[in-house]
Amino acid sequence: MFSLKPLLIGLSLVTLSSSAFALTTSEQRDYDRLASGDLTEIKQAAQSIVANNNANPEVLDVLAEFVAQNYLNAPEYQLDTIAWACRALGETGNPRYRDLLSAIVESDAHKKVRKYAKKSLRILPSTQVTQYVAGTIDLASIRTTPKTVGSSLTGEDKTLFDIASGNLIEIKMLAQKYTATGIPSQKVGDTLAEYFAQYYKTGQQHQYDTLAWICKGLATDKNGRYKTLIEDAEENSPIRAVRKHCPDDIDGKGPYYQAGTIDLTSIASKLQ
């Protein structure tokens, strides 16, 4: 399912701690959200894990512990968060969480939780690996985790950081906003365009909807700066959602944005 799966499954054979592996910016954000103990943050972390294919067991073990502690007697207000968590544990493709999901399916948990656990269980491979054991992570002890990288940013800096670091949930919301209101600055537009340029031919399924919204957002530029990029995507992207939502005729005489002009890695490193 994912190209990194064999590596991650191998990593899951060892005992994990909060310092076992270096986390990417996206993984650190998810870890901090999970460690916060806040239901809204935990749900956002689960959604981010699904959207970004974050499959690092160091992060997922924290999510698994939250599920293990709460799935059986969850109050109504927790159900949606736990359902998202079950979905995330399955979509990683890591069989480390198979026993936990099996226990949920066979339990007296709410039918919504059991439904998503069952769906996730079906897509996990049967590979024999060390299973996550409830109680391995002490959630109370990790709630002193530092704030997420980039969390202190505001305004345009936060926007640029979210795009450059590949935060799919934020990128999609930004693109939807720009589709309605227009792009706020050329700097933001160019950064969004560079992300689009890097993925409109090679993006994975979890990126399709976001890429389609980006194309619609870029098309609102009143000067047609992204004309050639959008038209190439409309003609040559293998992603149907992108071809469908990228207009094939945009006004604008240039200068046009050239892919590669913006260094996303440099922006993310500078702002983190």
Protein backbone atom coordinates (compact mmCIF):
# COMPACT_ATOMS: atom_id res chain seq x y z
CA MET A 1 0.00 0.00 0.00
CA PHE A 2 2.77 2.40 0.93
CA SER A 3 6.38 2.29 -0.22
CA LEU A 4 7.68 2.79 3.34
CA LYS A 5 5.66 -0.08 4.80
CA PRO A 6 8.42 -2.76 4.83
CA LEU A 7 10.75 -0.40 6.68
CA LEU A 8 8.11 0.63 9.20
CA ILE A 9 7.05 -2.94 9.87
CA GLY A 10 10.66 -3.78 10.58
CA LEU A 11 10.94 -0.88 12.97
CA SER A 12 7.84 -2.00 14.81
CA LEU A 13 9.66 -5.12 15.99
CA VAL A 14 11.65 -3.14 18.52
CA THR A 15 10.52 -1.56 21.78
CA LEU A 16 9.68 2.05 21.16
CA SER A 17 10.21 5.14 23.29
CA SER A 18 9.50 8.80 22.67
CA SER A 19 13.08 9.28 21.53
CA ALA A 20 13.52 6.10 19.49
CA PHE A 21 13.43 7.71 16.05
CA ALA A 22 13.76 11.19 14.62
CA LEU A 23 10.36 12.59 13.68
CA THR A 24 9.59 14.58 10.60
CA THR A 25 7.86 17.93 11.02
CA SER A 26 4.49 16.37 10.21
CA GLU A 27 5.06 13.45 12.58
CA GLN A 28 6.15 15.79 15.39
CA ARG A 29 2.99 17.83 14.92
CA ASP A 30 0.86 14.70 15.18
CA TYR A 31 2.79 13.42 18.20
CA ASP A 32 2.32 16.71 20.06
CA ARG A 33 -1.39 16.77 19.27
CA LEU A 34 -1.79 13.24 20.61
CA ALA A 35 0.27 14.01 23.70
CA SER A 36 -1.89 17.03 24.51
CA GLY A 37 -4.77 14.83 25.64
CA ASP A 38 -7.25 17.22 24.02
CA LEU A 39 -9.96 15.40 22.04
CA THR A 40 -10.04 17.96 19.25
CA GLU A 41 -6.27 17.77 18.89
CA ILE A 42 -6.31 13.97 18.93
CA LYS A 43 -8.95 13.87 16.21
CA GLN A 44 -6.92 16.30 14.08
CA ALA A 45 -3.84 14.13 14.60
CA ALA A 46 -5.73 11.03 13.45
CA GLN A 47 -7.01 12.88 10.38
CA SER A 48 -3.51 14.13 9.64
CA ILE A 49 -2.09 10.61 9.94
CA VAL A 50 -4.61 9.44 7.36
CA ALA A 51 -4.07 12.42 5.06
CA ASN A 52 -0.27 12.42 5.20
CA ASN A 53 0.35 8.66 5.42
CA ASN A 54 2.19 9.19 8.69
CA ALA A 55 3.06 5.62 9.66
CA ASN A 56 5.81 6.05 12.25
CA PRO A 57 5.14 3.60 15.14
CA GLU A 58 6.53 6.15 17.60
CA VAL A 59 3.52 8.32 16.83
CA LEU A 60 1.03 5.53 16.27
CA ASP A 61 1.75 3.86 19.61
CA VAL A 62 0.52 7.00 21.35
CA LEU A 63 -2.66 6.90 19.27
CA ALA A 64 -3.05 3.18 19.98
CA GLU A 65 -2.76 3.77 23.72
CA PHE A 66 -5.46 6.44 23.58
CA VAL A 67 -7.74 3.98 21.80
CA ALA A 68 -6.90 1.14 24.18
CA GLN A 69 -7.77 3.25 27.21
CA ASN A 70 -11.03 4.63 25.88
CA TYR A 71 -12.72 2.42 23.27
CA LEU A 72 -14.72 0.20 25.63
CA ASN A 73 -16.53 2.82 27.71
CA ALA A 74 -16.29 5.87 25.51
CA PRO A 75 -18.96 8.54 26.05
CA GLU A 76 -20.87 9.81 23.04
CA TYR A 77 -18.64 12.85 22.58
CA GLN A 78 -15.53 10.65 22.19
CA LEU A 79 -16.89 8.26 19.56
CA ASP A 80 -15.97 10.23 16.47
CA THR A 81 -12.40 10.74 17.67
CA ILE A 82 -11.96 7.06 18.49
CA ALA A 83 -13.45 6.07 15.13
CA TRP A 84 -10.92 8.30 13.35
CA ALA A 85 -8.15 6.79 15.47
CA CYS A 86 -9.19 3.26 14.47
CA ARG A 87 -9.21 4.30 10.82
CA ALA A 88 -5.74 5.81 11.14
CA LEU A 89 -4.31 2.66 12.76
CA GLY A 90 -5.58 0.62 9.82
CA GLU A 91 -4.55 2.90 6.99
CA THR A 92 -0.93 2.85 8.12
CA GLY A 93 -0.72 -0.69 6.81
CA ASN A 94 1.27 -1.68 9.91
CA PRO A 95 0.06 -4.99 11.42
CA ARG A 96 1.46 -3.96 14.82
CA TYR A 97 -2.07 -2.82 15.75
CA ARG A 98 -3.95 -5.90 14.55
CA ASP A 99 -4.50 -7.40 18.03
CA LEU A 100 -5.86 -4.11 19.38
CA LEU A 101 -8.27 -3.71 16.48
CA SER A 102 -9.34 -7.37 16.80
CA ALA A 103 -10.08 -6.83 20.49
CA ILE A 104 -12.24 -3.83 19.65
CA VAL A 105 -14.19 -5.75 17.00
CA GLU A 106 -14.90 -8.57 19.46
CA SER A 107 -15.78 -6.24 22.34
CA ASP A 108 -18.94 -4.51 23.54
CA ALA A 109 -17.67 -1.13 22.30
CA HIS A 110 -20.09 1.20 20.53
CA LYS A 111 -21.08 -0.05 17.08
CA LYS A 112 -19.49 2.99 15.39
CA VAL A 113 -16.13 2.20 16.97
CA ARG A 114 -16.42 -1.49 16.11
CA LYS A 115 -17.37 -0.61 12.53
CA TYR A 116 -14.21 1.41 11.91
CA ALA A 117 -12.02 -1.07 13.76
CA LYS A 118 -13.38 -3.85 11.53
CA LYS A 119 -12.73 -1.85 8.36
CA SER A 120 -9.17 -1.18 9.46
CA LEU A 121 -8.56 -4.77 10.45
CA ARG A 122 -9.56 -5.94 6.98
CA ILE A 123 -6.85 -3.90 5.26
CA LEU A 124 -3.98 -4.84 7.58
CA PRO A 125 -1.59 -7.53 6.36
CA SER A 126 -1.31 -10.79 8.27
CA THR A 127 2.46 -10.40 8.69
CA GLN A 128 3.63 -11.66 12.07
CA VAL A 129 5.13 -8.76 14.04
CA THR A 130 5.33 -7.76 17.68
CA GLN A 131 1.93 -6.38 18.65
CA TYR A 132 1.33 -3.16 20.53
CA VAL A 133 0.53 -3.93 24.19
CA ALA A 134 -1.86 -1.62 26.01
CA GLY A 135 -0.12 0.24 28.80
CA THR A 136 3.23 0.48 27.02
CA ILE A 137 2.82 4.25 26.68
CA ASP A 138 2.19 6.37 29.77
CA LEU A 139 0.03 9.14 28.33
CA ALA A 140 0.20 11.23 31.49
CA SER A 141 4.00 11.31 31.42
CA ILE A 142 4.26 12.65 27.86
CA ARG A 143 1.90 15.59 28.29
CA THR A 144 4.88 17.81 29.02
CA THR A 145 5.98 17.40 25.39
CA PRO A 146 7.08 20.73 23.86
CA LYS A 147 4.71 22.56 21.54
CA THR A 148 4.55 21.44 17.94
CA VAL A 149 7.26 22.71 15.63
CA GLY A 150 5.95 25.83 13.93
CA SER A 151 3.04 26.26 16.36
CA SER A 152 4.15 29.78 17.34
CA LEU A 153 3.91 31.06 13.79
CA THR A 154 1.13 33.40 12.71
CA GLY A 155 -0.12 35.08 9.56
CA GLU A 156 1.73 34.55 6.31
CA ASP A 157 4.62 32.74 8.01
CA LYS A 158 2.27 30.05 9.28
CA THR A 159 0.67 29.73 5.85
CA LEU A 160 4.05 29.34 4.15
CA PHE A 161 5.20 26.83 6.78
CA ASP A 162 2.05 24.72 6.44
CA ILE A 163 2.44 24.57 2.66
CA ALA A 164 6.20 23.98 2.65
CA SER A 165 6.01 21.26 5.31
CA GLY A 166 3.27 19.42 3.41
CA ASN A 167 0.48 19.73 5.98
CA LEU A 168 -2.29 18.35 3.76
CA ILE A 169 -5.18 19.28 6.01
CA GLU A 170 -4.06 22.91 6.23
CA ILE A 171 -3.14 23.08 2.53
CA LYS A 172 -6.57 21.86 1.52
CA MET A 173 -8.30 24.42 3.76
CA LEU A 174 -6.10 27.19 2.38
CA ALA A 175 -6.81 26.15 -1.21
CA GLN A 176 -10.55 26.08 -0.53
CA LYS A 177 -10.32 29.55 0.98
CA TYR A 178 -8.37 30.91 -1.98
CA THR A 179 -10.87 29.43 -4.41
CA ALA A 180 -13.48 31.67 -2.80
CA THR A 181 -11.42 34.76 -1.95
CA GLY A 182 -8.35 34.72 -4.20
CA ILE A 183 -4.69 34.23 -3.33
CA PRO A 184 -3.51 36.77 -0.72
CA SER A 185 0.01 37.33 -2.09
CA GLN A 186 2.34 36.21 -4.87
CA LYS A 187 4.66 34.66 -2.27
CA VAL A 188 1.88 32.46 -0.96
CA GLY A 189 0.70 31.67 -4.47
CA ASP A 190 4.17 30.70 -5.65
CA THR A 191 4.72 28.45 -2.62
CA LEU A 192 1.39 26.74 -3.23
CA ALA A 193 2.22 26.44 -6.92
CA GLU A 194 5.55 24.78 -6.13
CA TYR A 195 3.85 22.20 -3.93
CA PHE A 196 1.39 21.55 -6.75
CA ALA A 197 4.19 21.34 -9.33
CA GLN A 198 5.96 18.67 -7.31
CA TYR A 199 2.93 16.41 -6.95
CA TYR A 200 0.38 16.87 -9.74
CA LYS A 201 2.01 14.09 -11.75
CA THR A 202 3.20 11.85 -8.92
CA GLY A 203 0.75 12.44 -6.06
CA GLN A 204 -0.75 9.50 -4.16
CA GLN A 205 -4.44 8.91 -3.62
CA HIS A 206 -4.55 10.63 -0.25
CA GLN A 207 -3.33 13.83 -1.98
CA TYR A 208 -5.77 13.86 -4.90
CA ASP A 209 -8.51 16.00 -3.37
CA THR A 210 -6.03 18.53 -1.99
CA LEU A 211 -4.27 18.84 -5.37
CA ALA A 212 -7.59 19.40 -7.12
CA TRP A 213 -8.44 22.23 -4.71
CA ILE A 214 -4.99 23.76 -5.17
CA CYS A 215 -5.52 23.91 -8.91
CA LYS A 216 -8.85 25.66 -8.43
CA GLY A 217 -7.26 28.09 -6.00
CA LEU A 218 -4.32 28.90 -8.28
CA ALA A 219 -6.72 29.56 -11.14
CA THR A 220 -8.16 32.54 -9.26
CA ASP A 221 -4.94 34.56 -9.70
CA LYS A 222 -6.12 37.62 -11.60
CA ASN A 223 -2.89 37.89 -13.58
CA GLY A 224 -2.89 34.29 -14.72
CA ARG A 225 0.55 33.73 -13.22
CA TYR A 226 -0.05 29.98 -12.95
CA LYS A 227 -1.56 29.56 -16.43
CA THR A 228 1.10 27.26 -17.92
CA LEU A 229 1.31 25.12 -14.79
CA ILE A 230 -2.45 24.66 -14.60
CA GLU A 231 -2.84 23.95 -18.30
CA ASP A 232 -0.06 21.37 -18.21
CA ALA A 233 -1.75 19.69 -15.25
CA GLU A 234 -5.08 19.69 -17.05
CA GLU A 235 -3.52 18.00 -20.06
CA ASN A 236 -0.91 15.71 -18.53
CA SER A 237 -1.72 14.86 -14.93
CA PRO A 238 -2.53 11.15 -14.49
CA ILE A 239 -4.84 12.14 -11.63
CA ARG A 240 -8.42 12.39 -12.83
CA ALA A 241 -9.50 14.74 -10.03
CA VAL A 242 -6.74 17.17 -11.01
CA ARG A 243 -7.59 17.10 -14.73
CA LYS A 244 -11.26 17.57 -13.90
CA HIS A 245 -10.80 20.60 -11.66
CA CYS A 246 -8.00 22.39 -13.52
CA PRO A 247 -9.49 24.75 -16.13
CA ASP A 248 -8.08 24.33 -19.64
CA ASP A 249 -8.21 28.00 -20.60
CA ILE A 250 -6.85 30.75 -18.35
CA ASP A 251 -6.27 34.38 -19.22
CA GLY A 252 -2.84 35.84 -18.57
CA LYS A 253 0.24 36.86 -20.55
CA GLY A 254 2.82 36.21 -17.87
CA PRO A 255 5.35 36.26 -16.46
CA TYR A 256 4.40 32.71 -15.49
CA TYR A 257 5.57 30.82 -12.45
CA GLN A 258 8.42 28.41 -13.20
CA ALA A 259 8.48 25.14 -11.24
CA GLY A 260 11.57 24.88 -9.06
CA THR A 261 11.75 28.59 -8.27
CA ILE A 262 10.71 28.01 -4.66
CA ASP A 263 12.67 25.72 -2.30
CA LEU A 264 10.04 24.23 0.00
CA THR A 265 12.56 22.46 2.20
CA SER A 266 14.40 25.70 2.82
CA ILE A 267 11.19 27.54 3.76
CA ALA A 268 10.13 24.82 6.22
CA SER A 269 13.59 24.73 7.83
CA LYS A 270 13.79 28.50 8.13
CA LEU A 271 10.38 28.88 9.76
CA GLN A 272 10.29 25.87 12.09
